[in-house]
Amino acid sequence: MASGNAWNLSAPEPFLPKDGEATLRWEEWREYFVNYISTFEDEEELTPEKKKKILLHCLGAKGLKIYNSINKKIRAPDQGDVFSHALEDLTEYFRPAVCVAVDRFKFYHRKQQFEESVDDYVAALKNLALSCTFGNLHDQLSRDQIIMHTANPHIQEKLWSRGKAPLREVIDMVKSAELPGRCAKAVLRSEEKSFLKLEANATTVLP
């Protein structure tokens, strides 16, 4: 159970406490709320279901009424993060279509950077997808992005052959492929440090 946020920050003002204007633009309020959630002492242990409950509480009475009106489809447990889905559904409702198009453009053009781990890349895609309103297509499109834009050309051909594999399997395949390279770099760094230390010691004992 959440024990409160570590910095004693107050919850954001309700987005729509009653009929009328929202307290902030949706994008601003959403960022404020996500930052608030991230300050919880046990944020990593907060389940998506608990995060969603906090989100719905902070929406305010009118905001909750709107969410209930647009959340008519029931998602199966294996269809992804219910908290992320709730943010996506609300974003789709509150944001202009042109903003969604721009955010999707950013998502589709996000490539894995050189030496960027697959975990960091997936986290970046997940963050971009929050405002893309992909709905049930989120995992499928994220998987396709990883396959098309992985920075590891050696694994890409194998990923193409497993194009229908679930997102989790694709992530695990890329992580397995990048592990040997990371281990080799760690060994090289360790050897370099040892060499520099020996060189420094040798310099110290010279007359």
N, C-alpha and C. Protein backbone atom coordinates (compact mmCIF):
# COMPACT_ATOMS: atom_id res chain seq x y z
N MET A 1 0.85 -1.20 0.00
CA MET A 1 0.00 0.00 0.00
C MET A 1 0.88 1.24 0.00
N ALA A 2 0.49 2.25 -0.77
CA ALA A 2 1.31 3.46 -0.88
C ALA A 2 1.41 4.15 0.47
N SER A 3 2.60 4.58 0.84
CA SER A 3 2.81 5.23 2.13
C SER A 3 2.97 6.73 2.00
N GLY A 4 2.66 7.29 0.86
CA GLY A 4 2.80 8.72 0.66
C GLY A 4 4.04 9.04 -0.12
N ASN A 5 4.10 10.29 -0.60
CA ASN A 5 5.26 10.64 -1.41
C ASN A 5 6.42 11.10 -0.53
N ALA A 6 7.62 10.84 -1.02
CA ALA A 6 8.83 11.05 -0.23
C ALA A 6 9.10 12.52 0.06
N TRP A 7 8.59 13.42 -0.79
CA TRP A 7 8.89 14.85 -0.63
C TRP A 7 7.73 15.62 -0.01
N ASN A 8 6.72 14.88 0.46
CA ASN A 8 5.55 15.51 1.09
C ASN A 8 4.86 16.51 0.16
N LEU A 9 4.84 16.19 -1.12
CA LEU A 9 4.17 17.07 -2.08
C LEU A 9 2.66 16.86 -2.02
N SER A 10 1.92 17.93 -2.20
CA SER A 10 0.47 17.83 -2.23
C SER A 10 0.02 17.25 -3.56
N ALA A 11 -1.11 16.57 -3.53
CA ALA A 11 -1.68 16.06 -4.78
C ALA A 11 -2.06 17.23 -5.67
N PRO A 12 -2.03 17.04 -6.98
CA PRO A 12 -2.43 18.13 -7.88
C PRO A 12 -3.88 18.52 -7.66
N GLU A 13 -4.20 19.76 -7.95
CA GLU A 13 -5.59 20.20 -7.88
C GLU A 13 -6.43 19.33 -8.81
N PRO A 14 -7.67 19.00 -8.44
CA PRO A 14 -8.51 18.19 -9.33
C PRO A 14 -8.58 18.81 -10.72
N PHE A 15 -8.46 17.97 -11.74
CA PHE A 15 -8.46 18.47 -13.11
C PHE A 15 -9.80 19.11 -13.47
N LEU A 16 -10.88 18.41 -13.17
CA LEU A 16 -12.22 18.94 -13.42
C LEU A 16 -13.09 18.66 -12.19
N PRO A 17 -13.04 19.54 -11.19
CA PRO A 17 -13.80 19.29 -9.97
C PRO A 17 -15.31 19.40 -10.15
N LYS A 18 -15.73 20.19 -11.13
CA LYS A 18 -17.16 20.36 -11.39
C LYS A 18 -17.33 20.87 -12.81
N ASP A 19 -18.57 21.12 -13.20
CA ASP A 19 -18.83 21.64 -14.55
C ASP A 19 -18.10 22.96 -14.75
N GLY A 20 -17.56 23.13 -15.95
CA GLY A 20 -16.86 24.37 -16.26
C GLY A 20 -15.49 24.09 -16.83
N GLU A 21 -14.61 25.08 -16.71
CA GLU A 21 -13.27 24.97 -17.28
C GLU A 21 -12.36 24.11 -16.41
N ALA A 22 -11.44 23.42 -17.07
CA ALA A 22 -10.44 22.63 -16.35
C ALA A 22 -9.47 23.58 -15.66
N THR A 23 -8.83 23.10 -14.59
CA THR A 23 -7.89 23.95 -13.84
C THR A 23 -6.63 24.23 -14.64
N LEU A 24 -6.22 23.30 -15.53
CA LEU A 24 -5.04 23.45 -16.38
C LEU A 24 -5.32 22.77 -17.72
N ARG A 25 -4.47 23.06 -18.72
CA ARG A 25 -4.52 22.28 -19.94
C ARG A 25 -4.20 20.84 -19.59
N TRP A 26 -4.83 19.90 -20.32
CA TRP A 26 -4.66 18.50 -19.99
C TRP A 26 -3.19 18.09 -19.97
N GLU A 27 -2.40 18.50 -20.96
CA GLU A 27 -0.99 18.11 -21.03
C GLU A 27 -0.23 18.56 -19.78
N GLU A 28 -0.53 19.78 -19.32
CA GLU A 28 0.15 20.32 -18.14
C GLU A 28 -0.26 19.55 -16.88
N TRP A 29 -1.57 19.30 -16.77
CA TRP A 29 -2.06 18.60 -15.58
C TRP A 29 -1.53 17.18 -15.55
N ARG A 30 -1.51 16.50 -16.71
CA ARG A 30 -1.02 15.12 -16.76
C ARG A 30 0.44 15.04 -16.33
N GLU A 31 1.27 15.98 -16.81
CA GLU A 31 2.69 15.99 -16.42
C GLU A 31 2.82 16.22 -14.92
N TYR A 32 2.02 17.14 -14.39
CA TYR A 32 2.02 17.42 -12.95
C TYR A 32 1.67 16.15 -12.18
N PHE A 33 0.64 15.42 -12.65
CA PHE A 33 0.21 14.21 -11.95
C PHE A 33 1.26 13.11 -12.02
N VAL A 34 1.85 12.89 -13.20
CA VAL A 34 2.88 11.85 -13.36
C VAL A 34 4.08 12.14 -12.46
N ASN A 35 4.46 13.41 -12.37
CA ASN A 35 5.56 13.79 -11.47
C ASN A 35 5.20 13.52 -10.01
N TYR A 36 3.95 13.80 -9.67
CA TYR A 36 3.47 13.56 -8.30
C TYR A 36 3.55 12.08 -7.96
N ILE A 37 3.09 11.22 -8.85
CA ILE A 37 3.13 9.77 -8.63
C ILE A 37 4.57 9.29 -8.45
N SER A 38 5.48 9.89 -9.21
CA SER A 38 6.88 9.43 -9.18
C SER A 38 7.57 9.73 -7.85
N THR A 39 6.97 10.58 -7.01
CA THR A 39 7.59 10.91 -5.73
C THR A 39 7.18 9.98 -4.60
N PHE A 40 6.28 9.04 -4.88
CA PHE A 40 5.87 8.11 -3.83
C PHE A 40 7.06 7.25 -3.40
N GLU A 41 7.20 7.03 -2.11
CA GLU A 41 8.33 6.28 -1.57
C GLU A 41 8.39 4.87 -2.15
N ASP A 42 7.22 4.26 -2.37
CA ASP A 42 7.18 2.90 -2.91
C ASP A 42 6.60 2.92 -4.32
N GLU A 43 6.95 3.94 -5.10
CA GLU A 43 6.39 4.10 -6.45
C GLU A 43 6.60 2.87 -7.30
N GLU A 44 7.76 2.21 -7.15
CA GLU A 44 8.05 1.03 -7.95
C GLU A 44 7.14 -0.13 -7.58
N GLU A 45 6.58 -0.10 -6.37
CA GLU A 45 5.70 -1.18 -5.93
C GLU A 45 4.23 -0.86 -6.20
N LEU A 46 3.95 0.36 -6.60
CA LEU A 46 2.57 0.71 -6.93
C LEU A 46 2.15 -0.03 -8.19
N THR A 47 1.10 -0.80 -8.10
CA THR A 47 0.62 -1.52 -9.27
C THR A 47 -0.09 -0.54 -10.21
N PRO A 48 -0.20 -0.87 -11.49
CA PRO A 48 -0.95 -0.01 -12.41
C PRO A 48 -2.37 0.24 -11.93
N GLU A 49 -2.98 -0.78 -11.29
CA GLU A 49 -4.35 -0.62 -10.79
C GLU A 49 -4.42 0.46 -9.70
N LYS A 50 -3.43 0.47 -8.80
CA LYS A 50 -3.41 1.47 -7.73
C LYS A 50 -3.14 2.86 -8.30
N LYS A 51 -2.23 2.94 -9.28
CA LYS A 51 -1.96 4.23 -9.92
C LYS A 51 -3.21 4.77 -10.59
N LYS A 52 -3.96 3.87 -11.21
CA LYS A 52 -5.19 4.29 -11.88
C LYS A 52 -6.20 4.83 -10.87
N LYS A 53 -6.31 4.18 -9.71
CA LYS A 53 -7.25 4.65 -8.69
C LYS A 53 -6.87 6.04 -8.19
N ILE A 54 -5.56 6.27 -8.01
CA ILE A 54 -5.10 7.60 -7.59
C ILE A 54 -5.42 8.63 -8.67
N LEU A 55 -5.20 8.24 -9.94
CA LEU A 55 -5.50 9.13 -11.06
C LEU A 55 -6.97 9.51 -11.07
N LEU A 56 -7.86 8.52 -10.96
CA LEU A 56 -9.30 8.79 -11.01
C LEU A 56 -9.73 9.65 -9.83
N HIS A 57 -9.11 9.44 -8.68
CA HIS A 57 -9.43 10.27 -7.51
C HIS A 57 -9.04 11.73 -7.76
N CYS A 58 -7.88 11.93 -8.40
CA CYS A 58 -7.37 13.29 -8.62
C CYS A 58 -8.06 14.00 -9.79
N LEU A 59 -8.81 13.27 -10.59
CA LEU A 59 -9.49 13.91 -11.72
C LEU A 59 -10.57 14.88 -11.26
N GLY A 60 -11.16 14.62 -10.10
CA GLY A 60 -12.27 15.43 -9.66
C GLY A 60 -13.59 14.80 -10.08
N ALA A 61 -14.69 15.28 -9.51
CA ALA A 61 -16.00 14.68 -9.75
C ALA A 61 -16.39 14.69 -11.23
N LYS A 62 -16.24 15.85 -11.88
CA LYS A 62 -16.60 15.96 -13.29
C LYS A 62 -15.63 15.15 -14.15
N GLY A 63 -14.35 15.19 -13.82
CA GLY A 63 -13.37 14.43 -14.57
C GLY A 63 -13.63 12.94 -14.50
N LEU A 64 -14.01 12.45 -13.31
CA LEU A 64 -14.32 11.03 -13.14
C LEU A 64 -15.56 10.66 -13.95
N LYS A 65 -16.54 11.55 -13.97
CA LYS A 65 -17.76 11.29 -14.75
C LYS A 65 -17.43 11.16 -16.23
N ILE A 66 -16.54 12.02 -16.73
CA ILE A 66 -16.14 11.96 -18.14
C ILE A 66 -15.39 10.66 -18.42
N TYR A 67 -14.49 10.29 -17.51
CA TYR A 67 -13.73 9.05 -17.72
C TYR A 67 -14.67 7.85 -17.79
N ASN A 68 -15.62 7.78 -16.88
CA ASN A 68 -16.56 6.66 -16.87
C ASN A 68 -17.38 6.60 -18.15
N SER A 69 -17.64 7.78 -18.74
CA SER A 69 -18.45 7.81 -19.96
C SER A 69 -17.66 7.35 -21.18
N ILE A 70 -16.34 7.53 -21.18
CA ILE A 70 -15.53 7.15 -22.34
C ILE A 70 -14.90 5.77 -22.17
N ASN A 71 -14.90 5.26 -20.96
CA ASN A 71 -14.27 3.97 -20.70
C ASN A 71 -15.31 2.86 -20.75
N LYS A 72 -15.88 2.66 -21.93
CA LYS A 72 -16.97 1.68 -22.08
C LYS A 72 -16.47 0.30 -22.46
N LYS A 73 -15.24 0.21 -22.97
CA LYS A 73 -14.73 -1.10 -23.36
C LYS A 73 -13.93 -1.71 -22.21
N ILE A 74 -14.14 -2.97 -21.95
CA ILE A 74 -13.46 -3.67 -20.86
C ILE A 74 -12.20 -4.32 -21.40
N ARG A 75 -11.09 -4.05 -20.76
CA ARG A 75 -9.81 -4.59 -21.20
C ARG A 75 -9.47 -5.84 -20.39
N ALA A 76 -8.96 -6.85 -21.08
CA ALA A 76 -8.52 -8.07 -20.40
C ALA A 76 -7.24 -7.78 -19.64
N PRO A 77 -6.93 -8.54 -18.58
CA PRO A 77 -5.72 -8.29 -17.78
C PRO A 77 -4.44 -8.32 -18.58
N ASP A 78 -4.41 -9.10 -19.68
CA ASP A 78 -3.17 -9.22 -20.45
C ASP A 78 -3.06 -8.19 -21.55
N GLN A 79 -3.93 -7.19 -21.53
CA GLN A 79 -3.90 -6.19 -22.58
C GLN A 79 -3.06 -4.98 -22.23
N GLY A 80 -2.30 -5.07 -21.16
CA GLY A 80 -1.38 -3.98 -20.88
C GLY A 80 -1.63 -3.28 -19.56
N ASP A 81 -0.97 -2.17 -19.40
CA ASP A 81 -0.96 -1.37 -18.18
C ASP A 81 -2.25 -0.55 -18.10
N VAL A 82 -3.13 -0.84 -17.12
CA VAL A 82 -4.42 -0.15 -17.03
C VAL A 82 -4.23 1.33 -16.70
N PHE A 83 -3.16 1.67 -16.00
CA PHE A 83 -2.88 3.08 -15.71
C PHE A 83 -2.54 3.83 -16.99
N SER A 84 -1.66 3.24 -17.80
CA SER A 84 -1.29 3.86 -19.08
C SER A 84 -2.49 3.96 -20.00
N HIS A 85 -3.33 2.92 -20.01
CA HIS A 85 -4.52 2.95 -20.84
C HIS A 85 -5.47 4.07 -20.41
N ALA A 86 -5.60 4.26 -19.09
CA ALA A 86 -6.47 5.32 -18.59
C ALA A 86 -5.96 6.69 -19.04
N LEU A 87 -4.64 6.91 -18.95
CA LEU A 87 -4.06 8.17 -19.41
C LEU A 87 -4.28 8.35 -20.91
N GLU A 88 -4.14 7.26 -21.67
CA GLU A 88 -4.34 7.34 -23.12
C GLU A 88 -5.79 7.69 -23.45
N ASP A 89 -6.74 7.05 -22.76
CA ASP A 89 -8.16 7.32 -23.02
C ASP A 89 -8.51 8.77 -22.72
N LEU A 90 -7.98 9.28 -21.61
CA LEU A 90 -8.25 10.67 -21.25
C LEU A 90 -7.57 11.63 -22.21
N THR A 91 -6.36 11.28 -22.64
CA THR A 91 -5.65 12.12 -23.60
C THR A 91 -6.41 12.19 -24.91
N GLU A 92 -6.92 11.05 -25.36
CA GLU A 92 -7.68 11.02 -26.61
C GLU A 92 -8.92 11.92 -26.51
N TYR A 93 -9.50 11.98 -25.33
CA TYR A 93 -10.71 12.79 -25.15
C TYR A 93 -10.40 14.28 -25.08
N PHE A 94 -9.34 14.64 -24.35
CA PHE A 94 -9.08 16.05 -24.06
C PHE A 94 -8.18 16.77 -25.05
N ARG A 95 -7.41 16.05 -25.85
CA ARG A 95 -6.44 16.73 -26.71
C ARG A 95 -6.94 16.86 -28.14
N PRO A 96 -6.58 17.97 -28.82
CA PRO A 96 -6.96 18.15 -30.22
C PRO A 96 -6.30 17.09 -31.09
N ALA A 97 -6.96 16.72 -32.18
CA ALA A 97 -6.45 15.67 -33.08
C ALA A 97 -5.07 16.01 -33.63
N VAL A 98 -4.81 17.30 -33.89
CA VAL A 98 -3.53 17.68 -34.46
C VAL A 98 -2.38 17.37 -33.51
N CYS A 99 -2.60 17.50 -32.21
CA CYS A 99 -1.56 17.19 -31.22
C CYS A 99 -1.26 15.70 -31.21
N VAL A 100 -2.31 14.89 -31.34
CA VAL A 100 -2.12 13.45 -31.38
C VAL A 100 -1.29 13.06 -32.60
N ALA A 101 -1.56 13.70 -33.74
CA ALA A 101 -0.81 13.40 -34.96
C ALA A 101 0.67 13.74 -34.79
N VAL A 102 0.96 14.86 -34.15
CA VAL A 102 2.35 15.26 -33.91
C VAL A 102 3.04 14.26 -32.98
N ASP A 103 2.35 13.85 -31.92
CA ASP A 103 2.94 12.91 -30.97
C ASP A 103 3.18 11.55 -31.62
N ARG A 104 2.28 11.13 -32.50
CA ARG A 104 2.49 9.86 -33.20
C ARG A 104 3.68 9.97 -34.15
N PHE A 105 3.86 11.12 -34.76
CA PHE A 105 5.02 11.33 -35.63
C PHE A 105 6.31 11.15 -34.83
N LYS A 106 6.35 11.73 -33.64
CA LYS A 106 7.53 11.61 -32.78
C LYS A 106 7.76 10.15 -32.39
N PHE A 107 6.68 9.43 -32.10
CA PHE A 107 6.80 8.03 -31.71
C PHE A 107 7.36 7.20 -32.86
N TYR A 108 6.79 7.36 -34.05
CA TYR A 108 7.20 6.55 -35.20
C TYR A 108 8.64 6.83 -35.62
N HIS A 109 9.15 8.02 -35.33
CA HIS A 109 10.50 8.38 -35.75
C HIS A 109 11.53 8.24 -34.63
N ARG A 110 11.13 7.68 -33.50
CA ARG A 110 12.07 7.49 -32.39
C ARG A 110 12.86 6.21 -32.62
N LYS A 111 14.16 6.36 -32.87
CA LYS A 111 15.04 5.21 -33.08
C LYS A 111 15.89 4.96 -31.84
N GLN A 112 16.29 3.72 -31.67
CA GLN A 112 17.20 3.40 -30.57
C GLN A 112 18.56 4.02 -30.86
N GLN A 113 19.07 4.78 -29.91
CA GLN A 113 20.34 5.47 -30.08
C GLN A 113 21.52 4.52 -29.84
N PHE A 114 22.67 4.89 -30.37
CA PHE A 114 23.88 4.09 -30.18
C PHE A 114 24.19 3.97 -28.69
N GLU A 115 24.39 2.74 -28.24
CA GLU A 115 24.69 2.41 -26.85
C GLU A 115 23.52 2.69 -25.90
N GLU A 116 22.33 2.97 -26.42
CA GLU A 116 21.14 3.10 -25.58
C GLU A 116 20.61 1.69 -25.31
N SER A 117 20.41 1.35 -24.06
CA SER A 117 19.93 0.00 -23.72
C SER A 117 18.49 -0.16 -24.19
N VAL A 118 18.09 -1.41 -24.42
CA VAL A 118 16.72 -1.65 -24.87
C VAL A 118 15.73 -1.23 -23.80
N ASP A 119 16.10 -1.37 -22.51
CA ASP A 119 15.20 -0.93 -21.44
C ASP A 119 14.95 0.57 -21.51
N ASP A 120 16.01 1.35 -21.75
CA ASP A 120 15.85 2.80 -21.86
C ASP A 120 15.04 3.15 -23.11
N TYR A 121 15.27 2.42 -24.19
CA TYR A 121 14.54 2.68 -25.43
C TYR A 121 13.06 2.38 -25.26
N VAL A 122 12.75 1.26 -24.63
CA VAL A 122 11.35 0.89 -24.39
C VAL A 122 10.68 1.91 -23.48
N ALA A 123 11.41 2.39 -22.47
CA ALA A 123 10.86 3.41 -21.56
C ALA A 123 10.55 4.70 -22.32
N ALA A 124 11.43 5.07 -23.26
CA ALA A 124 11.21 6.27 -24.07
C ALA A 124 9.98 6.10 -24.96
N LEU A 125 9.84 4.92 -25.56
CA LEU A 125 8.67 4.65 -26.40
C LEU A 125 7.39 4.69 -25.58
N LYS A 126 7.44 4.11 -24.39
CA LYS A 126 6.27 4.10 -23.53
C LYS A 126 5.85 5.51 -23.15
N ASN A 127 6.82 6.36 -22.87
CA ASN A 127 6.53 7.74 -22.52
C ASN A 127 5.91 8.50 -23.70
N LEU A 128 6.46 8.28 -24.90
CA LEU A 128 5.91 8.93 -26.10
C LEU A 128 4.51 8.42 -26.41
N ALA A 129 4.27 7.13 -26.17
CA ALA A 129 2.99 6.52 -26.52
C ALA A 129 1.85 6.99 -25.62
N LEU A 130 2.18 7.54 -24.45
CA LEU A 130 1.13 7.97 -23.53
C LEU A 130 0.16 8.94 -24.17
N SER A 131 0.66 9.80 -25.06
CA SER A 131 -0.19 10.82 -25.68
C SER A 131 -0.58 10.47 -27.11
N CYS A 132 -0.32 9.22 -27.52
CA CYS A 132 -0.62 8.83 -28.91
C CYS A 132 -1.97 8.14 -29.06
N THR A 133 -2.63 7.84 -27.95
CA THR A 133 -3.95 7.20 -27.95
C THR A 133 -3.98 5.95 -28.84
N PHE A 134 -3.01 5.07 -28.66
CA PHE A 134 -2.97 3.83 -29.44
C PHE A 134 -3.96 2.79 -28.94
N GLY A 135 -4.39 2.92 -27.69
CA GLY A 135 -5.33 1.94 -27.16
C GLY A 135 -4.75 0.54 -27.13
N ASN A 136 -5.53 -0.44 -27.62
CA ASN A 136 -5.11 -1.84 -27.60
C ASN A 136 -3.95 -2.13 -28.55
N LEU A 137 -3.60 -1.19 -29.42
CA LEU A 137 -2.51 -1.39 -30.36
C LEU A 137 -1.14 -1.00 -29.78
N HIS A 138 -1.15 -0.52 -28.54
CA HIS A 138 0.09 -0.01 -27.94
C HIS A 138 1.24 -1.01 -28.00
N ASP A 139 1.01 -2.23 -27.49
CA ASP A 139 2.09 -3.22 -27.44
C ASP A 139 2.54 -3.62 -28.84
N GLN A 140 1.58 -3.78 -29.75
CA GLN A 140 1.91 -4.18 -31.12
C GLN A 140 2.76 -3.13 -31.81
N LEU A 141 2.40 -1.86 -31.67
CA LEU A 141 3.14 -0.79 -32.33
C LEU A 141 4.51 -0.58 -31.68
N SER A 142 4.58 -0.75 -30.37
CA SER A 142 5.87 -0.64 -29.69
C SER A 142 6.80 -1.76 -30.15
N ARG A 143 6.24 -2.95 -30.28
CA ARG A 143 7.04 -4.08 -30.78
C ARG A 143 7.57 -3.79 -32.18
N ASP A 144 6.71 -3.26 -33.06
CA ASP A 144 7.13 -2.95 -34.43
C ASP A 144 8.24 -1.90 -34.44
N GLN A 145 8.14 -0.91 -33.55
CA GLN A 145 9.17 0.13 -33.47
C GLN A 145 10.53 -0.47 -33.09
N ILE A 146 10.51 -1.38 -32.14
CA ILE A 146 11.76 -2.01 -31.70
C ILE A 146 12.37 -2.81 -32.85
N ILE A 147 11.53 -3.54 -33.57
CA ILE A 147 12.02 -4.36 -34.68
C ILE A 147 12.61 -3.47 -35.78
N MET A 148 11.91 -2.40 -36.11
CA MET A 148 12.35 -1.54 -37.22
C MET A 148 13.53 -0.66 -36.86
N HIS A 149 13.61 -0.25 -35.59
CA HIS A 149 14.59 0.78 -35.23
C HIS A 149 15.59 0.35 -34.17
N THR A 150 15.77 -0.95 -33.98
CA THR A 150 16.80 -1.40 -33.05
C THR A 150 18.17 -0.96 -33.55
N ALA A 151 19.05 -0.64 -32.61
CA ALA A 151 20.41 -0.21 -32.98
C ALA A 151 21.34 -1.40 -33.21
N ASN A 152 20.80 -2.61 -33.05
CA ASN A 152 21.60 -3.82 -33.21
C ASN A 152 21.23 -4.51 -34.53
N PRO A 153 21.99 -4.30 -35.60
CA PRO A 153 21.65 -4.88 -36.90
C PRO A 153 21.74 -6.40 -36.92
N HIS A 154 22.51 -6.98 -36.00
CA HIS A 154 22.69 -8.43 -35.98
C HIS A 154 21.43 -9.16 -35.50
N ILE A 155 20.65 -8.51 -34.66
CA ILE A 155 19.44 -9.14 -34.15
C ILE A 155 18.22 -8.80 -34.99
N GLN A 156 18.32 -7.77 -35.81
CA GLN A 156 17.14 -7.29 -36.54
C GLN A 156 16.56 -8.35 -37.48
N GLU A 157 17.41 -9.07 -38.20
CA GLU A 157 16.92 -10.10 -39.12
C GLU A 157 16.15 -11.18 -38.37
N LYS A 158 16.66 -11.56 -37.21
CA LYS A 158 15.96 -12.57 -36.41
C LYS A 158 14.62 -12.02 -35.92
N LEU A 159 14.60 -10.73 -35.59
CA LEU A 159 13.35 -10.12 -35.13
C LEU A 159 12.31 -10.08 -36.25
N TRP A 160 12.77 -9.80 -37.48
CA TRP A 160 11.85 -9.79 -38.62
C TRP A 160 11.18 -11.15 -38.78
N SER A 161 11.95 -12.22 -38.57
CA SER A 161 11.39 -13.56 -38.73
C SER A 161 10.41 -13.91 -37.62
N ARG A 162 10.46 -13.14 -36.51
CA ARG A 162 9.54 -13.35 -35.39
C ARG A 162 8.61 -12.17 -35.27
N GLY A 163 8.17 -11.65 -36.40
CA GLY A 163 7.38 -10.42 -36.42
C GLY A 163 6.10 -10.45 -35.62
N LYS A 164 5.54 -11.65 -35.41
CA LYS A 164 4.28 -11.76 -34.66
C LYS A 164 4.51 -12.08 -33.19
N ALA A 165 5.76 -12.10 -32.78
CA ALA A 165 6.06 -12.38 -31.37
C ALA A 165 5.53 -11.25 -30.50
N PRO A 166 5.10 -11.55 -29.26
CA PRO A 166 4.63 -10.49 -28.36
C PRO A 166 5.75 -9.54 -27.97
N LEU A 167 5.37 -8.37 -27.51
CA LEU A 167 6.33 -7.32 -27.15
C LEU A 167 7.37 -7.82 -26.16
N ARG A 168 6.94 -8.51 -25.11
CA ARG A 168 7.87 -8.96 -24.07
C ARG A 168 8.93 -9.88 -24.65
N GLU A 169 8.54 -10.76 -25.57
CA GLU A 169 9.49 -11.69 -26.17
C GLU A 169 10.52 -10.94 -27.02
N VAL A 170 10.06 -9.94 -27.77
CA VAL A 170 10.97 -9.15 -28.60
C VAL A 170 11.97 -8.40 -27.72
N ILE A 171 11.50 -7.82 -26.63
CA ILE A 171 12.40 -7.11 -25.71
C ILE A 171 13.45 -8.07 -25.15
N ASP A 172 13.01 -9.26 -24.74
CA ASP A 172 13.95 -10.24 -24.19
C ASP A 172 14.99 -10.67 -25.22
N MET A 173 14.58 -10.80 -26.48
CA MET A 173 15.51 -11.18 -27.54
C MET A 173 16.59 -10.12 -27.73
N VAL A 174 16.18 -8.85 -27.73
CA VAL A 174 17.14 -7.76 -27.91
C VAL A 174 18.07 -7.67 -26.71
N LYS A 175 17.53 -7.85 -25.51
CA LYS A 175 18.36 -7.79 -24.30
C LYS A 175 19.39 -8.91 -24.30
N SER A 176 18.98 -10.10 -24.74
CA SER A 176 19.92 -11.22 -24.80
C SER A 176 21.02 -10.95 -25.81
N ALA A 177 20.66 -10.29 -26.92
CA ALA A 177 21.64 -10.00 -27.96
C ALA A 177 22.63 -8.93 -27.53
N GLU A 178 22.17 -7.99 -26.70
CA GLU A 178 23.06 -6.89 -26.30
C GLU A 178 23.91 -7.24 -25.08
N LEU A 179 23.56 -8.32 -24.38
CA LEU A 179 24.28 -8.69 -23.16
C LEU A 179 25.76 -9.00 -23.40
N PRO A 180 26.12 -9.83 -24.42
CA PRO A 180 27.55 -10.11 -24.63
C PRO A 180 28.37 -8.85 -24.88
N GLY A 181 27.82 -7.92 -25.65
CA GLY A 181 28.53 -6.67 -25.92
C GLY A 181 28.74 -5.86 -24.67
N ARG A 182 27.74 -5.82 -23.79
CA ARG A 182 27.86 -5.07 -22.55
C ARG A 182 28.90 -5.72 -21.63
N CYS A 183 28.90 -7.06 -21.61
CA CYS A 183 29.89 -7.77 -20.77
C CYS A 183 31.30 -7.51 -21.28
N ALA A 184 31.46 -7.54 -22.61
CA ALA A 184 32.79 -7.30 -23.20
C ALA A 184 33.28 -5.90 -22.88
N LYS A 185 32.38 -4.91 -22.96
CA LYS A 185 32.76 -3.53 -22.65
C LYS A 185 33.13 -3.38 -21.18
N ALA A 186 32.40 -4.10 -20.31
CA ALA A 186 32.71 -4.04 -18.88
C ALA A 186 34.09 -4.61 -18.60
N VAL A 187 34.43 -5.71 -19.29
CA VAL A 187 35.75 -6.32 -19.12
C VAL A 187 36.84 -5.37 -19.61
N LEU A 188 36.60 -4.74 -20.78
CA LEU A 188 37.59 -3.81 -21.32
C LEU A 188 37.81 -2.62 -20.39
N ARG A 189 36.71 -2.11 -19.83
CA ARG A 189 36.83 -0.98 -18.90
C ARG A 189 37.63 -1.39 -17.67
N SER A 190 37.35 -2.61 -17.18
CA SER A 190 38.07 -3.10 -16.00
C SER A 190 39.56 -3.26 -16.28
N GLU A 191 39.87 -3.82 -17.47
CA GLU A 191 41.27 -4.00 -17.84
C GLU A 191 41.97 -2.66 -18.02
N GLU A 192 41.25 -1.69 -18.59
CA GLU A 192 41.83 -0.37 -18.80
C GLU A 192 42.15 0.30 -17.47
N LYS A 193 41.23 0.16 -16.50
CA LYS A 193 41.47 0.74 -15.17
C LYS A 193 42.67 0.08 -14.50
N SER A 194 42.76 -1.24 -14.65
CA SER A 194 43.89 -1.97 -14.05
C SER A 194 45.21 -1.53 -14.67
N PHE A 195 45.20 -1.35 -15.99
CA PHE A 195 46.41 -0.92 -16.69
C PHE A 195 46.83 0.47 -16.25
N LEU A 196 45.85 1.38 -16.15
CA LEU A 196 46.16 2.74 -15.73
C LEU A 196 46.69 2.77 -14.30
N LYS A 197 46.13 1.90 -13.46
CA LYS A 197 46.59 1.84 -12.07
C LYS A 197 48.02 1.34 -11.99
N LEU A 198 48.33 0.28 -12.78
CA LEU A 198 49.69 -0.24 -12.81
C LEU A 198 50.67 0.79 -13.35
N GLU A 199 50.22 1.52 -14.38
CA GLU A 199 51.07 2.55 -14.98
C GLU A 199 51.35 3.66 -13.98
N ALA A 200 50.33 4.03 -13.21
CA ALA A 200 50.50 5.08 -12.21
C ALA A 200 51.45 4.62 -11.11
N ASN A 201 51.31 3.36 -10.69
CA ASN A 201 52.19 2.83 -9.65
C ASN A 201 53.64 2.77 -10.13
N ALA A 202 53.80 2.36 -11.41
CA ALA A 202 55.15 2.27 -11.97
C ALA A 202 55.80 3.65 -12.03
N THR A 203 55.01 4.64 -12.37
CA THR A 203 55.52 6.01 -12.44
C THR A 203 55.93 6.52 -11.06
N THR A 204 55.15 6.09 -10.05
CA THR A 204 55.41 6.55 -8.69
C THR A 204 56.74 6.02 -8.15
N VAL A 205 57.08 4.75 -8.48
CA VAL A 205 58.30 4.15 -7.92
C VAL A 205 59.55 4.49 -8.71
N LEU A 206 59.39 5.14 -9.85
CA LEU A 206 60.57 5.52 -10.63
C LEU A 206 61.40 6.56 -9.87
N PRO A 207 62.78 6.45 -9.91
CA PRO A 207 63.62 7.43 -9.18
C PRO A 207 63.53 8.80 -9.83
